[in-house]
C-alpha atoms as a PDB file:
ATOM      1  CA  GLU A   1       7.444 -11.490  -3.959  1.00  0.00           C
ATOM      2  CA  ALA A   2       5.632 -10.273  -7.025  1.00  0.00           C
ATOM      3  CA  LEU A   3       5.718 -11.350 -10.644  1.00  0.00           C
ATOM      4  CA  VAL A   4       6.080  -8.709 -13.335  1.00  0.00           C
ATOM      5  CA  GLY A   5       5.970  -9.362 -17.051  1.00  0.00           C
ATOM      6  CA  ASN A   6       3.834 -10.402 -19.992  1.00  0.00           C
ATOM      7  CA  PHE A   7       1.039 -12.761 -19.017  1.00  0.00           C
ATOM      8  CA  GLY A   8      -1.637 -14.480 -21.047  1.00  0.00           C
ATOM      9  CA  SER A   9      -1.945 -16.610 -24.143  1.00  0.00           C
ATOM     10  CA  ALA A  10      -0.024 -16.115 -27.364  1.00  0.00           C
ATOM     11  CA  HIS A  11      -3.101 -14.366 -28.777  1.00  0.00           C
ATOM     12  CA  ARG A  12      -3.698 -12.013 -25.897  1.00  0.00           C
ATOM     13  CA  ARG A  13      -0.844 -10.918 -23.687  1.00  0.00           C
ATOM     14  CA  THR A  14      -0.701  -8.095 -21.202  1.00  0.00           C
ATOM     15  CA  TYR A  15       2.155  -6.605 -19.206  1.00  0.00           C
ATOM     16  CA  THR A  16       1.189  -6.557 -15.527  1.00  0.00           C
ATOM     17  CA  ALA A  17       2.277  -7.234 -11.968  1.00  0.00           C
ATOM     18  CA  LEU A  18       0.819 -10.040  -9.868  1.00  0.00           C
ATOM     19  CA  GLY A  19       1.175 -11.041  -6.232  1.00  0.00           C
ATOM     20  CA  GLU A  20       0.383 -10.136  -2.642  1.00  0.00           C
ATOM     21  CA  PRO A  21       2.461  -6.897  -2.633  1.00  0.00           C
ATOM     22  CA  VAL A  22       0.498  -5.654  -5.654  1.00  0.00           C
ATOM     23  CA  ILE A  23      -2.825  -6.382  -3.961  1.00  0.00           C
ATOM     24  CA  LEU A  24      -1.688  -4.710  -0.738  1.00  0.00           C
ATOM     25  CA  ALA A  25      -0.514  -1.631  -2.652  1.00  0.00           C
ATOM     26  CA  SER A  26      -3.944  -1.401  -4.264  1.00  0.00           C
ATOM     27  CA  ARG A  27      -5.627  -1.576  -0.848  1.00  0.00           C
ATOM     28  CA  TYR A  28      -3.276   1.127   0.493  1.00  0.00           C
ATOM     29  CA  GLU A  29      -4.070   3.316  -2.499  1.00  0.00           C
ATOM     30  CA  ALA A  30      -7.805   3.070  -1.780  1.00  0.00           C
ATOM     31  CA  LEU A  31      -7.224   3.873   1.901  1.00  0.00           C
ATOM     32  CA  ALA A  32      -5.041   6.850   0.973  1.00  0.00           C
ATOM     33  CA  ALA A  33      -7.942   8.279  -1.027  1.00  0.00           C
ATOM     34  CA  SER A  34     -10.437   7.739   1.796  1.00  0.00           C
ATOM     35  CA  LEU A  35      -7.994   9.271   4.311  1.00  0.00           C
ATOM     36  CA  ARG A  36      -7.357  12.194   1.932  1.00  0.00           C
ATOM     37  CA  GLN A  37      -3.624  11.533   1.963  1.00  0.00           C
ATOM     38  CA  PRO A  38      -1.477  11.612  -1.178  1.00  0.00           C
ATOM     39  CA  ILE A  39       0.920   9.024   0.318  1.00  0.00           C
ATOM     40  CA  VAL A  40       0.468   6.292   2.909  1.00  0.00           C
ATOM     41  CA  ILE A  41       2.959   3.667   3.998  1.00  0.00           C
ATOM     42  CA  GLY A  42       2.699   0.568   6.132  1.00  0.00           C
ATOM     43  CA  GLU A  43       4.542  -0.567   9.236  1.00  0.00           C
ATOM     44  CA  THR A  44       7.426  -2.250   7.434  1.00  0.00           C
ATOM     45  CA  CYS A  45       8.332   0.856   5.449  1.00  0.00           C
ATOM     46  CA  ALA A  46       7.825   3.070   8.509  1.00  0.00           C
ATOM     47  CA  ALA A  47      10.182   0.845  10.510  1.00  0.00           C
ATOM     48  CA  GLU A  48      12.831   1.126   7.772  1.00  0.00           C
ATOM     49  CA  LEU A  49      12.490   4.905   7.941  1.00  0.00           C
ATOM     50  CA  GLY A  50      12.698   4.809  11.730  1.00  0.00           C
ATOM     51  CA  GLU A  51       9.233   6.391  11.886  1.00  0.00           C
ATOM     52  CA  HIS A  52      10.899   9.820  11.684  1.00  0.00           C
ATOM     53  CA  ASN A  53       8.773  12.595  10.231  1.00  0.00           C
ATOM     54  CA  LEU A  54       5.775  10.287   9.956  1.00  0.00           C
ATOM     55  CA  THR A  55       2.262  10.752  11.255  1.00  0.00           C
ATOM     56  CA  LEU A  56       0.439   7.644  12.471  1.00  0.00           C
ATOM     57  CA  LEU A  57      -2.947   7.463  10.756  1.00  0.00           C
ATOM     58  CA  GLY A  58      -4.184   4.636  12.976  1.00  0.00           C
ATOM     59  CA  SER A  59      -5.018   0.991  12.370  1.00  0.00           C
ATOM     60  CA  HIS A  60      -7.214   0.150   9.414  1.00  0.00           C
ATOM     61  CA  PRO A  61      -8.826  -3.108   8.309  1.00  0.00           C
ATOM     62  CA  ILE A  62      -7.642  -4.494   4.987  1.00  0.00           C
ATOM     63  CA  ARG A  63      -9.927  -6.761   2.964  1.00  0.00           C
ATOM     64  CA  GLY A  64      -8.419 -10.230   2.836  1.00  0.00           C
ATOM     65  CA  ARG A  65      -6.374  -9.755   6.025  1.00  0.00           C
ATOM     66  CA  THR A  66      -7.327 -10.898   9.514  1.00  0.00           C
ATOM     67  CA  GLN A  67      -5.432  -8.134  11.332  1.00  0.00           C
ATOM     68  CA  PRO A  68      -5.731  -4.389  10.707  1.00  0.00           C
ATOM     69  CA  VAL A  69      -2.616  -2.580   9.512  1.00  0.00           C
ATOM     70  CA  LYS A  70      -1.077   0.603  10.901  1.00  0.00           C
ATOM     71  CA  LEU A  71      -0.725   3.293   8.278  1.00  0.00           C
ATOM     72  CA  TYR A  72       1.544   6.325   8.315  1.00  0.00           C
ATOM     73  CA  ALA A  73       1.815   9.493   6.234  1.00  0.00           C
ATOM     74  CA  PRO A  74       4.816  11.775   5.776  1.00  0.00           C
ATOM     75  CA  GLN A  75       4.418  14.778   8.092  1.00  0.00           C
ATOM     76  CA  GLN A  76       4.511  17.256   5.218  1.00  0.00           C
ATOM     77  CA  CYS A  77       1.313  15.576   3.952  1.00  0.00           C
ATOM     78  CA  GLY A  78      -0.136  15.789   7.481  1.00  0.00           C
ATOM     79  CA  ALA A  79      -3.212  14.053   8.785  1.00  0.00           C
ATOM     80  CA  GLN A  80      -6.242  16.272   8.293  1.00  0.00           C
END
């Protein structure tokens, strides 16, 4: 679960998203850049898609996690 909305004091509010999914998405975004992929998805999303038309990019460590995660890219993006 993630929280989305206005956070902060009455004098200084900001609209943002907070939570583990937001942090994980940020980590995936950084890995996508280092892997030179415009899109990466994790195992849960890949399983929902049935892993069709996906290229496995391997297992990658994620800061704050004890186990590495498997990342996938759509085949049209292709691993380089």
